[in-house]
Protein backbone atom coordinates (compact mmCIF):
# COMPACT_ATOMS: atom_id res chain seq x y z
CA MET A 1 215.86 215.30 303.62
CA ASN A 2 213.46 212.92 305.40
CA LYS A 3 212.36 211.50 302.04
CA PHE A 4 216.02 210.65 301.36
CA PHE A 5 216.22 208.75 304.65
CA ASP A 6 212.94 206.97 303.91
CA LYS A 7 214.30 205.87 300.54
CA MET A 8 217.60 204.91 302.16
CA GLY A 9 215.65 202.91 304.73
CA ILE A 10 213.72 201.08 302.01
CA CYS A 11 216.96 200.30 300.15
CA VAL A 12 218.86 199.15 303.25
CA SER A 13 215.93 197.07 304.51
CA GLY A 14 215.49 195.59 301.04
CA LEU A 15 219.18 194.74 300.80
CA CYS A 16 219.04 193.21 304.26
CA LEU A 17 216.05 191.11 303.17
CA VAL A 18 217.76 189.96 299.97
CA HIS A 19 220.95 189.18 301.89
CA CYS A 20 219.06 187.00 304.38
CA LEU A 21 217.16 185.16 301.67
CA ILE A 22 220.01 184.64 299.19
CA MET A 23 223.05 184.01 301.40
CA PRO A 24 221.94 180.60 302.73
CA ILE A 25 221.50 179.40 299.15
CA ILE A 26 224.91 180.73 298.14
CA LEU A 27 226.54 179.20 301.22
CA LEU A 28 225.02 175.81 300.45
CA SER A 29 226.13 176.06 296.83
CA PHE A 30 229.71 177.21 297.50
CA PRO A 31 230.67 176.22 301.07
CA ILE A 32 234.46 176.28 300.53
CA ALA A 33 234.44 179.77 299.00
CA PHE A 34 232.89 181.19 302.16
CA SER A 35 234.86 179.41 304.89
CA ASP A 36 235.41 182.66 306.85
CA PHE A 37 231.88 183.90 306.17
CA GLU A 38 230.62 183.85 309.77
CA HIS A 39 232.88 186.74 310.79
CA THR A 40 232.06 188.72 307.64
CA ASP A 41 228.34 187.98 307.98
CA HIS A 42 228.36 189.32 311.54
CA ASP A 43 229.96 192.55 310.28
CA ILE A 44 227.39 192.84 307.49
CA HIS A 45 224.51 192.38 309.95
CA PHE A 46 226.04 194.98 312.25
CA LEU A 47 226.27 197.45 309.34
CA PHE A 48 222.66 196.77 308.28
CA GLY A 49 221.53 197.20 311.89
CA ILE A 50 223.22 200.59 312.20
CA LEU A 51 221.88 201.79 308.84
CA VAL A 52 218.27 200.76 309.50
CA LEU A 53 218.42 202.36 312.94
CA ILE A 54 219.75 205.63 311.49
CA SER A 55 217.26 205.75 308.61
CA ALA A 56 214.26 204.96 310.84
CA THR A 57 215.38 207.47 313.47
CA LEU A 58 215.93 210.27 310.95
CA ALA A 59 212.97 209.63 308.65
CA VAL A 60 210.16 207.91 310.51
CA TYR A 61 210.44 209.18 314.08
CA PRO A 62 210.35 212.96 313.39
CA HIS A 63 207.41 212.71 311.02
CA CYS A 64 205.43 210.35 313.23
CA LYS A 65 206.07 212.53 316.27
CA LYS A 66 204.74 215.52 314.32
CA SER A 67 201.79 213.76 312.66
CA GLY A 68 200.87 211.41 315.49
CA ARG A 69 201.05 208.34 313.23
CA LYS A 70 201.78 205.76 315.93
CA ASP A 71 200.96 202.93 313.53
CA ILE A 72 203.90 203.79 311.28
CA LEU A 73 206.17 204.40 314.25
CA GLY A 74 205.13 201.03 315.69
CA LEU A 75 206.01 199.25 312.45
CA ALA A 76 209.39 200.96 312.32
CA VAL A 77 210.22 200.26 315.97
CA ALA A 78 209.18 196.61 315.62
CA GLY A 79 211.24 196.29 312.43
CA VAL A 80 214.35 197.80 313.97
CA LEU A 81 213.99 195.69 317.12
CA LEU A 82 213.57 192.49 315.10
CA ILE A 83 216.63 193.24 312.97
CA LEU A 84 218.73 194.15 315.99
CA GLY A 85 217.34 191.12 317.84
CA GLY A 86 218.28 188.88 314.94
CA PHE A 87 221.75 190.36 314.95
CA THR A 88 222.28 190.05 318.70
CA ILE A 89 220.28 187.23 320.27
CA GLY A 90 219.10 185.42 317.13
CA HIS A 91 222.70 184.72 316.21
CA GLU A 92 223.26 183.06 319.59
CA ILE A 93 220.12 180.89 319.39
CA SER A 94 220.24 179.68 315.79
CA GLU A 95 220.96 180.94 312.32
CA THR A 96 217.38 180.19 311.30
CA ILE A 97 215.99 182.37 314.10
CA GLU A 98 218.43 185.11 313.10
CA HIS A 99 217.23 185.03 309.50
CA VAL A 100 213.52 184.85 310.39
CA LEU A 101 213.76 187.84 312.74
CA THR A 102 215.74 189.83 310.19
CA VAL A 103 213.41 189.02 307.28
CA ILE A 104 210.29 189.99 309.25
CA GLY A 105 212.02 193.14 310.56
CA SER A 106 213.10 194.14 307.06
CA ILE A 107 209.59 193.72 305.68
CA LEU A 108 208.12 195.80 308.51
CA LEU A 109 210.66 198.56 307.91
CA VAL A 110 210.00 198.67 304.16
CA ILE A 111 206.26 199.01 304.91
CA ALA A 112 206.89 201.72 307.53
CA HIS A 113 209.12 203.79 305.24
CA TYR A 114 206.71 203.37 302.31
CA LYS A 115 203.75 204.49 304.43
CA ASN A 116 205.80 207.36 305.83
CA ILE A 117 206.57 208.60 302.30
CA ARG A 118 202.93 208.25 301.25
CA ILE A 119 201.64 210.17 304.24
CA LYS A 120 204.26 212.93 304.06
CA HIS A 121 203.82 213.53 300.35
CA SER A 122 200.15 212.74 299.86
CA THR A 123 197.29 215.08 299.26
CA CYS A 124 195.17 213.52 302.00
CA GLU A 125 193.11 216.05 303.88
CA ASP A 126 193.51 214.17 307.15
CA LYS A 127 197.13 213.07 307.47
CA LYS A 128 196.23 210.91 310.47
CA ALA A 129 193.82 208.80 308.40
CA PRO A 130 195.04 206.09 306.04
CA CYS A 131 195.58 207.41 302.53
CA ASP A 132 195.36 204.00 300.91
CA SER A 133 191.86 204.64 299.56
CA HIS A 134 192.97 207.79 297.68
CA HIS A 135 194.85 207.28 294.42
């Protein structure tokens, strides 16, 4: 089940990343079509925030607690905090800050979930050591 939540986390973080990179371009291209976008965008960010929090909590935390992989846990926590920070305080400061925090957070979460999957399902003898050198 954790692998499902890791994959869900990668998908949600990836969608969040795409949303933050593509929406400004779409808004600039079609400003009239999205006149009520700010309210909808806030709802979308809230949904992404909840989903990344759930997927990281259910997939990354239990495995990292068991394996002692604080590096992966650190990436996931930083990613979640950046996304939630972008949603909460970034929105108040500036839209650019909101997008930067969310993009960085999404990238960190994708990396954390990917590493979590690799470690959980690898054939590494030492699960606490990086498996990147083994193919």
